[in-house]
């Protein structure tokens, strides 16, 4: 009998700009909470910094420099303190922030599980070389999301990406 011990601390990265992306987070968190190897999930939007000097949340779509610096540093601290990353990757609206966080996490030699989603599964699957070869494992968000409940985050086994066109 293989007894699992929850030791993994997960950094859950994702764009969080629309209802569909926000719903994915709820689903992923529920699955990760069922996983016997997961101790804790860090979701950066749970620690959303509020600048006490900010009188308007955004001016022409831009937040204050104080908010930007605090958010950037809080996110990097979350990556550094995690043992593994899980990234809900929106293939229809690529997010530079996720790509940066994935690269930062890999620079710290931490495993990354990429969970790509698309609303256009009929299109060819394409993924940038740096992500395709840089992540530890891929779990297809459209068809395999439930695997987040059973993936062994303690050992983070490799699952190479073979069914994507790499560019």
N, C-alpha and C. Protein backbone atom coordinates (compact mmCIF):
# COMPACT_ATOMS: atom_id res chain seq x y z
N UNK A 1 0.85 -1.18 0.00
CA UNK A 1 0.00 0.00 0.00
C UNK A 1 0.89 1.24 0.00
N UNK A 2 0.64 2.13 -0.92
CA UNK A 2 1.41 3.35 -1.04
C UNK A 2 0.68 4.48 -0.32
N UNK A 3 1.17 4.81 0.86
CA UNK A 3 0.54 5.86 1.65
C UNK A 3 1.12 7.22 1.25
N UNK A 4 0.27 8.12 0.81
CA UNK A 4 0.69 9.45 0.39
C UNK A 4 0.71 10.39 1.58
N UNK A 5 1.74 11.21 1.65
CA UNK A 5 1.85 12.21 2.70
C UNK A 5 1.77 13.58 2.03
N UNK A 6 0.90 14.46 2.52
CA UNK A 6 0.80 15.78 1.90
C UNK A 6 1.99 16.67 2.28
N UNK A 7 2.88 16.87 1.32
CA UNK A 7 4.03 17.75 1.55
C UNK A 7 4.15 18.86 0.51
N UNK A 8 3.48 18.71 -0.62
CA UNK A 8 3.63 19.67 -1.71
C UNK A 8 2.91 20.99 -1.42
N UNK A 9 3.61 22.07 -1.67
CA UNK A 9 2.99 23.40 -1.62
C UNK A 9 2.93 23.90 -3.06
N UNK A 10 1.75 24.19 -3.50
CA UNK A 10 1.48 24.50 -4.91
C UNK A 10 1.32 26.01 -5.10
N UNK A 11 2.00 26.53 -6.12
CA UNK A 11 1.73 27.89 -6.59
C UNK A 11 0.77 27.73 -7.76
N UNK A 12 -0.44 28.23 -7.63
CA UNK A 12 -1.46 28.12 -8.67
C UNK A 12 -1.47 29.42 -9.47
N UNK A 13 -0.87 29.37 -10.65
CA UNK A 13 -0.78 30.54 -11.51
C UNK A 13 -1.77 30.47 -12.65
N UNK A 14 -2.30 31.63 -13.00
CA UNK A 14 -3.30 31.69 -14.07
C UNK A 14 -3.64 33.14 -14.39
N UNK A 15 -4.06 33.40 -15.62
CA UNK A 15 -4.73 34.68 -15.83
C UNK A 15 -6.07 34.63 -15.08
N UNK A 16 -6.52 35.76 -14.62
CA UNK A 16 -7.72 35.80 -13.76
C UNK A 16 -8.57 37.01 -14.16
N UNK A 17 -8.74 37.17 -15.47
CA UNK A 17 -9.33 38.40 -15.97
C UNK A 17 -10.79 38.29 -16.39
N UNK A 18 -11.29 37.07 -16.54
CA UNK A 18 -12.69 36.93 -16.95
C UNK A 18 -13.34 35.79 -16.17
N UNK A 19 -14.64 35.66 -16.30
CA UNK A 19 -15.40 34.66 -15.53
C UNK A 19 -14.96 33.24 -15.84
N UNK A 20 -14.65 32.97 -17.09
CA UNK A 20 -14.24 31.62 -17.47
C UNK A 20 -12.92 31.24 -16.77
N UNK A 21 -11.97 32.15 -16.76
CA UNK A 21 -10.69 31.90 -16.09
C UNK A 21 -10.90 31.74 -14.59
N UNK A 22 -11.77 32.53 -14.02
CA UNK A 22 -12.05 32.46 -12.59
C UNK A 22 -12.73 31.13 -12.22
N UNK A 23 -13.59 30.64 -13.09
CA UNK A 23 -14.26 29.35 -12.85
C UNK A 23 -13.25 28.21 -12.90
N UNK A 24 -12.26 28.30 -13.80
CA UNK A 24 -11.21 27.27 -13.87
C UNK A 24 -10.45 27.17 -12.55
N UNK A 25 -10.22 28.32 -11.93
CA UNK A 25 -9.49 28.32 -10.65
C UNK A 25 -10.29 27.56 -9.60
N UNK A 26 -11.59 27.80 -9.55
CA UNK A 26 -12.44 27.09 -8.58
C UNK A 26 -12.35 25.58 -8.79
N UNK A 27 -12.43 25.16 -10.05
CA UNK A 27 -12.36 23.73 -10.36
C UNK A 27 -11.00 23.15 -9.98
N UNK A 28 -9.94 23.84 -10.36
CA UNK A 28 -8.59 23.35 -10.08
C UNK A 28 -8.33 23.28 -8.58
N UNK A 29 -8.74 24.31 -7.85
CA UNK A 29 -8.53 24.31 -6.40
C UNK A 29 -9.27 23.15 -5.73
N UNK A 30 -10.48 22.90 -6.15
CA UNK A 30 -11.25 21.81 -5.57
C UNK A 30 -10.55 20.47 -5.81
N UNK A 31 -10.00 20.29 -6.99
CA UNK A 31 -9.28 19.05 -7.30
C UNK A 31 -7.97 18.95 -6.51
N UNK A 32 -7.25 20.06 -6.42
CA UNK A 32 -6.00 20.05 -5.66
C UNK A 32 -6.24 19.79 -4.18
N UNK A 33 -7.35 20.27 -3.65
CA UNK A 33 -7.68 20.03 -2.25
C UNK A 33 -7.98 18.56 -1.98
N UNK A 34 -8.39 17.82 -3.01
CA UNK A 34 -8.63 16.38 -2.88
C UNK A 34 -7.33 15.58 -2.98
N UNK A 35 -6.27 16.19 -3.51
CA UNK A 35 -5.04 15.46 -3.78
C UNK A 35 -4.31 15.13 -2.48
N UNK A 36 -4.01 13.85 -2.23
CA UNK A 36 -3.38 13.45 -0.97
C UNK A 36 -1.93 13.89 -0.83
N UNK A 37 -1.31 14.40 -1.90
CA UNK A 37 0.08 14.85 -1.81
C UNK A 37 0.21 16.36 -1.60
N UNK A 38 -0.92 17.08 -1.65
CA UNK A 38 -0.90 18.54 -1.56
C UNK A 38 -1.17 18.99 -0.13
N UNK A 39 -0.25 19.76 0.40
CA UNK A 39 -0.39 20.34 1.74
C UNK A 39 -1.11 21.68 1.68
N UNK A 40 -0.71 22.53 0.71
CA UNK A 40 -1.24 23.88 0.65
C UNK A 40 -1.22 24.39 -0.78
N UNK A 41 -2.19 25.22 -1.12
CA UNK A 41 -2.25 25.87 -2.43
C UNK A 41 -2.14 27.37 -2.22
N UNK A 42 -1.15 27.98 -2.87
CA UNK A 42 -1.00 29.43 -2.83
C UNK A 42 -1.56 29.98 -4.14
N UNK A 43 -2.59 30.80 -4.03
CA UNK A 43 -3.17 31.46 -5.20
C UNK A 43 -2.93 32.95 -5.02
N UNK A 44 -2.15 33.58 -5.90
CA UNK A 44 -1.73 34.97 -5.67
C UNK A 44 -2.87 35.96 -5.51
N UNK A 45 -4.02 35.70 -6.11
CA UNK A 45 -5.12 36.65 -5.99
C UNK A 45 -5.76 36.61 -4.61
N UNK A 46 -5.41 35.60 -3.80
CA UNK A 46 -5.87 35.57 -2.41
C UNK A 46 -5.14 36.61 -1.56
N UNK A 47 -3.96 37.01 -2.00
CA UNK A 47 -3.16 38.00 -1.27
C UNK A 47 -3.06 39.29 -2.08
N UNK A 48 -4.15 39.69 -2.65
CA UNK A 48 -4.16 40.88 -3.50
C UNK A 48 -3.83 42.12 -2.68
N UNK A 49 -2.75 42.78 -3.03
CA UNK A 49 -2.29 43.96 -2.30
C UNK A 49 -3.22 45.14 -2.55
N UNK A 50 -3.49 45.89 -1.50
CA UNK A 50 -4.27 47.12 -1.61
C UNK A 50 -3.37 48.27 -1.21
N UNK A 51 -3.18 49.20 -2.12
CA UNK A 51 -2.35 50.38 -1.86
C UNK A 51 -3.20 51.39 -1.09
N UNK A 52 -2.86 51.68 0.18
CA UNK A 52 -3.68 52.59 0.98
C UNK A 52 -3.69 54.03 0.45
N UNK A 53 -2.71 54.37 -0.39
CA UNK A 53 -2.64 55.73 -0.94
C UNK A 53 -3.30 55.86 -2.30
N UNK A 54 -3.79 54.76 -2.83
CA UNK A 54 -4.39 54.78 -4.16
C UNK A 54 -5.81 55.32 -4.06
N UNK A 55 -6.08 56.42 -4.71
CA UNK A 55 -7.42 57.00 -4.66
C UNK A 55 -8.32 56.44 -5.76
N UNK A 56 -7.72 56.03 -6.88
CA UNK A 56 -8.46 55.37 -7.96
C UNK A 56 -7.75 54.04 -8.21
N UNK A 57 -8.52 52.97 -8.28
CA UNK A 57 -7.91 51.65 -8.47
C UNK A 57 -7.08 51.60 -9.75
N UNK A 58 -7.56 52.24 -10.79
CA UNK A 58 -6.82 52.27 -12.05
C UNK A 58 -7.00 53.62 -12.71
N UNK A 59 -5.91 54.10 -13.29
CA UNK A 59 -5.97 55.31 -14.11
C UNK A 59 -5.54 54.90 -15.50
N UNK A 60 -6.48 54.93 -16.44
CA UNK A 60 -6.25 54.51 -17.81
C UNK A 60 -5.69 53.08 -17.86
N UNK A 61 -6.21 52.20 -17.02
CA UNK A 61 -5.82 50.81 -17.02
C UNK A 61 -4.52 50.50 -16.29
N UNK A 62 -3.92 51.47 -15.63
CA UNK A 62 -2.63 51.27 -14.96
C UNK A 62 -2.79 51.50 -13.47
N UNK A 63 -2.29 50.55 -12.67
CA UNK A 63 -2.31 50.67 -11.21
C UNK A 63 -1.09 51.45 -10.74
N UNK A 64 -1.09 51.87 -9.49
CA UNK A 64 0.00 52.67 -8.93
C UNK A 64 1.30 51.87 -8.93
N UNK A 65 2.42 52.56 -8.92
CA UNK A 65 3.73 51.91 -8.87
C UNK A 65 3.87 51.12 -7.57
N UNK A 66 3.35 51.64 -6.49
CA UNK A 66 3.38 50.94 -5.21
C UNK A 66 2.65 49.61 -5.31
N UNK A 67 1.46 49.60 -5.91
CA UNK A 67 0.70 48.37 -6.10
C UNK A 67 1.46 47.41 -7.01
N UNK A 68 2.03 47.91 -8.11
CA UNK A 68 2.78 47.07 -9.04
C UNK A 68 3.95 46.37 -8.34
N UNK A 69 4.73 47.13 -7.58
CA UNK A 69 5.90 46.56 -6.90
C UNK A 69 5.49 45.53 -5.84
N UNK A 70 4.48 45.85 -5.07
CA UNK A 70 4.03 44.92 -4.03
C UNK A 70 3.48 43.63 -4.66
N UNK A 71 2.68 43.76 -5.71
CA UNK A 71 2.10 42.60 -6.36
C UNK A 71 3.20 41.73 -6.98
N UNK A 72 4.14 42.34 -7.67
CA UNK A 72 5.26 41.61 -8.28
C UNK A 72 6.03 40.84 -7.21
N UNK A 73 6.39 41.51 -6.14
CA UNK A 73 7.17 40.86 -5.08
C UNK A 73 6.38 39.79 -4.34
N UNK A 74 5.10 40.03 -4.09
CA UNK A 74 4.26 39.01 -3.45
C UNK A 74 4.17 37.76 -4.32
N UNK A 75 4.02 37.94 -5.64
CA UNK A 75 3.94 36.79 -6.54
C UNK A 75 5.26 36.03 -6.56
N UNK A 76 6.38 36.74 -6.62
CA UNK A 76 7.67 36.04 -6.62
C UNK A 76 7.90 35.30 -5.31
N UNK A 77 7.49 35.88 -4.19
CA UNK A 77 7.61 35.18 -2.91
C UNK A 77 6.77 33.91 -2.92
N UNK A 78 5.59 33.97 -3.53
CA UNK A 78 4.75 32.78 -3.63
C UNK A 78 5.42 31.68 -4.44
N UNK A 79 6.07 32.06 -5.54
CA UNK A 79 6.79 31.09 -6.37
C UNK A 79 7.95 30.50 -5.60
N UNK A 80 8.73 31.34 -4.93
CA UNK A 80 9.91 30.88 -4.19
C UNK A 80 9.52 29.93 -3.07
N UNK A 81 8.42 30.20 -2.40
CA UNK A 81 8.00 29.38 -1.25
C UNK A 81 7.26 28.11 -1.65
N UNK A 82 6.89 27.97 -2.90
CA UNK A 82 6.17 26.78 -3.36
C UNK A 82 7.16 25.67 -3.72
N UNK A 83 6.70 24.44 -3.62
CA UNK A 83 7.53 23.32 -4.06
C UNK A 83 7.25 22.94 -5.51
N UNK A 84 6.09 23.36 -6.03
CA UNK A 84 5.69 23.00 -7.39
C UNK A 84 4.70 24.04 -7.90
N UNK A 85 4.70 24.24 -9.20
CA UNK A 85 3.74 25.16 -9.81
C UNK A 85 2.72 24.42 -10.65
N UNK A 86 1.49 24.90 -10.60
CA UNK A 86 0.42 24.44 -11.48
C UNK A 86 -0.09 25.68 -12.18
N UNK A 87 -0.04 25.67 -13.50
CA UNK A 87 -0.43 26.84 -14.27
C UNK A 87 -1.59 26.51 -15.20
N UNK A 88 -2.72 27.19 -14.96
CA UNK A 88 -3.89 27.07 -15.81
C UNK A 88 -3.64 28.03 -16.97
N UNK A 89 -3.25 27.48 -18.09
CA UNK A 89 -2.72 28.28 -19.21
C UNK A 89 -3.77 28.45 -20.28
N UNK A 90 -4.21 29.66 -20.49
CA UNK A 90 -5.26 29.96 -21.46
C UNK A 90 -4.62 30.08 -22.85
N UNK A 91 -4.83 29.08 -23.68
CA UNK A 91 -4.24 29.06 -25.02
C UNK A 91 -4.89 30.06 -25.96
N UNK A 92 -6.07 30.56 -25.59
CA UNK A 92 -6.77 31.52 -26.44
C UNK A 92 -6.40 32.96 -26.11
N UNK A 93 -5.95 33.20 -24.90
CA UNK A 93 -5.52 34.55 -24.46
C UNK A 93 -4.22 34.39 -23.67
N UNK A 94 -3.12 34.30 -24.40
CA UNK A 94 -1.83 34.06 -23.75
C UNK A 94 -1.52 35.18 -22.75
N UNK A 95 -0.94 34.79 -21.64
CA UNK A 95 -0.65 35.72 -20.55
C UNK A 95 0.85 35.73 -20.28
N UNK A 96 1.49 36.86 -20.55
CA UNK A 96 2.93 36.99 -20.33
C UNK A 96 3.31 36.76 -18.88
N UNK A 97 2.43 37.13 -17.96
CA UNK A 97 2.71 36.95 -16.54
C UNK A 97 2.89 35.48 -16.19
N UNK A 98 2.04 34.62 -16.71
CA UNK A 98 2.18 33.18 -16.47
C UNK A 98 3.48 32.67 -17.05
N UNK A 99 3.81 33.09 -18.26
CA UNK A 99 5.05 32.63 -18.89
C UNK A 99 6.25 33.05 -18.05
N UNK A 100 6.24 34.27 -17.54
CA UNK A 100 7.33 34.73 -16.68
C UNK A 100 7.42 33.89 -15.42
N UNK A 101 6.29 33.68 -14.76
CA UNK A 101 6.28 32.91 -13.51
C UNK A 101 6.75 31.47 -13.74
N UNK A 102 6.37 30.88 -14.86
CA UNK A 102 6.83 29.53 -15.18
C UNK A 102 8.35 29.52 -15.33
N UNK A 103 8.88 30.47 -16.08
CA UNK A 103 10.33 30.56 -16.26
C UNK A 103 11.06 30.80 -14.95
N UNK A 104 10.50 31.66 -14.12
CA UNK A 104 11.11 31.96 -12.82
C UNK A 104 11.12 30.71 -11.95
N UNK A 105 10.03 29.98 -11.95
CA UNK A 105 9.94 28.77 -11.15
C UNK A 105 10.94 27.72 -11.64
N UNK A 106 11.06 27.56 -12.94
CA UNK A 106 12.01 26.60 -13.49
C UNK A 106 13.45 27.03 -13.21
N UNK A 107 13.71 28.33 -13.18
CA UNK A 107 15.05 28.82 -12.84
C UNK A 107 15.44 28.41 -11.42
N UNK A 108 14.45 28.23 -10.57
CA UNK A 108 14.67 27.75 -9.21
C UNK A 108 14.61 26.22 -9.14
N UNK A 109 14.60 25.56 -10.30
CA UNK A 109 14.62 24.10 -10.40
C UNK A 109 13.41 23.45 -9.73
N UNK A 110 12.27 24.11 -9.86
CA UNK A 110 11.03 23.58 -9.29
C UNK A 110 10.17 23.03 -10.42
N UNK A 111 9.49 21.92 -10.18
CA UNK A 111 8.64 21.35 -11.22
C UNK A 111 7.43 22.23 -11.51
N UNK A 112 7.01 22.17 -12.77
CA UNK A 112 5.85 22.93 -13.22
C UNK A 112 4.92 22.00 -14.00
N UNK A 113 3.65 22.00 -13.60
CA UNK A 113 2.61 21.27 -14.33
C UNK A 113 1.81 22.30 -15.11
N UNK A 114 1.83 22.17 -16.42
CA UNK A 114 1.10 23.08 -17.29
C UNK A 114 -0.26 22.47 -17.60
N UNK A 115 -1.31 23.26 -17.42
CA UNK A 115 -2.68 22.81 -17.67
C UNK A 115 -3.30 23.75 -18.69
N UNK A 116 -3.08 23.46 -19.99
CA UNK A 116 -3.61 24.36 -21.02
C UNK A 116 -5.10 24.14 -21.27
N UNK A 117 -5.79 25.25 -21.53
CA UNK A 117 -7.22 25.26 -21.87
C UNK A 117 -7.40 25.98 -23.20
N UNK A 118 -8.41 25.56 -23.94
CA UNK A 118 -8.79 26.28 -25.14
C UNK A 118 -10.29 26.12 -25.38
N UNK A 119 -10.87 27.14 -25.97
CA UNK A 119 -12.26 27.05 -26.42
C UNK A 119 -12.34 26.58 -27.86
N UNK A 120 -11.17 26.27 -28.45
CA UNK A 120 -11.10 25.84 -29.85
C UNK A 120 -10.30 24.55 -29.98
N UNK A 121 -10.81 23.45 -29.40
CA UNK A 121 -10.06 22.19 -29.46
C UNK A 121 -9.90 21.65 -30.88
N UNK A 122 -10.69 22.18 -31.82
CA UNK A 122 -10.59 21.72 -33.21
C UNK A 122 -9.32 22.25 -33.89
N UNK A 123 -8.72 23.30 -33.35
CA UNK A 123 -7.50 23.86 -33.93
C UNK A 123 -6.29 23.01 -33.56
N UNK A 124 -5.23 23.13 -34.37
CA UNK A 124 -3.99 22.44 -34.06
C UNK A 124 -3.45 22.93 -32.72
N UNK A 125 -2.94 22.00 -31.94
CA UNK A 125 -2.33 22.36 -30.65
C UNK A 125 -0.92 22.88 -30.92
N UNK A 126 -0.66 24.13 -30.50
CA UNK A 126 0.64 24.76 -30.71
C UNK A 126 1.13 25.33 -29.39
N UNK A 127 2.42 25.16 -29.12
CA UNK A 127 2.98 25.66 -27.88
C UNK A 127 4.40 26.12 -28.13
N UNK A 128 4.75 27.23 -27.55
CA UNK A 128 6.09 27.78 -27.66
C UNK A 128 7.11 26.79 -27.11
N UNK A 129 8.24 26.68 -27.77
CA UNK A 129 9.32 25.77 -27.38
C UNK A 129 9.72 25.91 -25.92
N UNK A 130 9.84 27.13 -25.42
CA UNK A 130 10.31 27.35 -24.06
C UNK A 130 9.33 26.78 -23.04
N UNK A 131 8.05 26.79 -23.34
CA UNK A 131 7.07 26.17 -22.45
C UNK A 131 7.01 24.67 -22.69
N UNK A 132 6.98 24.27 -23.95
CA UNK A 132 6.84 22.85 -24.28
C UNK A 132 7.98 22.03 -23.69
N UNK A 133 9.19 22.54 -23.74
CA UNK A 133 10.33 21.79 -23.22
C UNK A 133 10.70 22.22 -21.80
N UNK A 134 10.11 23.30 -21.33
CA UNK A 134 10.48 23.83 -20.02
C UNK A 134 9.65 23.32 -18.86
N UNK A 135 8.44 22.87 -19.14
CA UNK A 135 7.60 22.41 -18.03
C UNK A 135 7.86 20.93 -17.76
N UNK A 136 7.49 20.49 -16.58
CA UNK A 136 7.71 19.11 -16.16
C UNK A 136 6.67 18.17 -16.74
N UNK A 137 5.43 18.61 -16.70
CA UNK A 137 4.33 17.76 -17.15
C UNK A 137 3.21 18.61 -17.71
N UNK A 138 2.42 18.00 -18.57
CA UNK A 138 1.24 18.66 -19.13
C UNK A 138 0.02 17.82 -18.81
N UNK A 139 -0.99 18.48 -18.26
CA UNK A 139 -2.30 17.87 -18.05
C UNK A 139 -3.28 18.71 -18.84
N UNK A 140 -3.90 18.12 -19.85
CA UNK A 140 -4.81 18.87 -20.71
C UNK A 140 -6.01 19.35 -19.90
N UNK A 141 -6.21 20.66 -19.87
CA UNK A 141 -7.29 21.24 -19.08
C UNK A 141 -8.67 20.90 -19.59
N UNK A 142 -8.79 20.67 -20.89
CA UNK A 142 -10.09 20.38 -21.47
C UNK A 142 -10.52 18.93 -21.25
N UNK A 143 -9.56 18.01 -21.16
CA UNK A 143 -9.92 16.59 -21.11
C UNK A 143 -9.36 15.84 -19.90
N UNK A 144 -8.38 16.38 -19.20
CA UNK A 144 -7.70 15.65 -18.13
C UNK A 144 -7.65 16.40 -16.79
N UNK A 145 -8.42 17.44 -16.65
CA UNK A 145 -8.32 18.29 -15.46
C UNK A 145 -8.44 17.50 -14.16
N UNK A 146 -9.27 16.47 -14.17
CA UNK A 146 -9.47 15.67 -12.96
C UNK A 146 -8.19 15.01 -12.47
N UNK A 147 -7.15 14.92 -13.30
CA UNK A 147 -5.87 14.34 -12.89
C UNK A 147 -5.17 15.18 -11.82
N UNK A 148 -5.58 16.43 -11.65
CA UNK A 148 -5.00 17.25 -10.58
C UNK A 148 -5.29 16.65 -9.20
N UNK A 149 -6.34 15.88 -9.09
CA UNK A 149 -6.69 15.25 -7.81
C UNK A 149 -5.80 14.07 -7.48
N UNK A 150 -5.10 13.51 -8.47
CA UNK A 150 -4.31 12.30 -8.22
C UNK A 150 -2.84 12.41 -8.62
N UNK A 151 -2.44 13.47 -9.30
CA UNK A 151 -1.04 13.62 -9.70
C UNK A 151 -0.16 13.64 -8.45
N UNK A 152 0.97 12.96 -8.48
CA UNK A 152 1.86 12.90 -7.33
C UNK A 152 2.78 14.12 -7.32
N UNK A 153 2.35 15.16 -6.61
CA UNK A 153 3.13 16.39 -6.54
C UNK A 153 4.37 16.24 -5.64
N UNK A 154 4.45 15.17 -4.87
CA UNK A 154 5.65 14.95 -4.06
C UNK A 154 6.83 14.54 -4.93
N UNK A 155 6.57 13.73 -5.96
CA UNK A 155 7.67 13.32 -6.83
C UNK A 155 7.63 14.02 -8.19
N UNK A 156 6.50 14.60 -8.55
CA UNK A 156 6.33 15.36 -9.79
C UNK A 156 6.91 14.64 -11.00
N UNK A 157 6.32 13.49 -11.36
CA UNK A 157 6.85 12.74 -12.50
C UNK A 157 6.70 13.51 -13.82
N UNK A 158 7.69 13.34 -14.67
CA UNK A 158 7.67 14.01 -15.97
C UNK A 158 6.59 13.40 -16.85
N UNK A 159 5.97 14.26 -17.60
CA UNK A 159 5.01 13.85 -18.62
C UNK A 159 5.29 14.74 -19.82
N UNK A 160 6.22 14.31 -20.69
CA UNK A 160 6.63 15.16 -21.82
C UNK A 160 5.47 15.53 -22.73
N UNK A 161 5.60 16.67 -23.34
CA UNK A 161 4.60 17.17 -24.27
C UNK A 161 4.94 16.65 -25.65
N UNK A 162 4.09 15.79 -26.18
CA UNK A 162 4.38 15.17 -27.47
C UNK A 162 3.31 15.43 -28.53
N UNK A 163 2.14 15.86 -28.12
CA UNK A 163 1.06 16.01 -29.09
C UNK A 163 0.77 17.47 -29.46
N UNK A 164 1.75 18.34 -29.24
CA UNK A 164 1.63 19.74 -29.61
C UNK A 164 2.64 20.06 -30.70
N UNK A 165 2.27 20.94 -31.61
CA UNK A 165 3.26 21.50 -32.53
C UNK A 165 4.08 22.49 -31.74
N UNK A 166 5.36 22.35 -31.77
CA UNK A 166 6.24 23.24 -31.02
C UNK A 166 6.85 24.24 -31.99
N UNK A 167 6.76 25.51 -31.60
CA UNK A 167 7.32 26.57 -32.47
C UNK A 167 8.31 27.41 -31.69
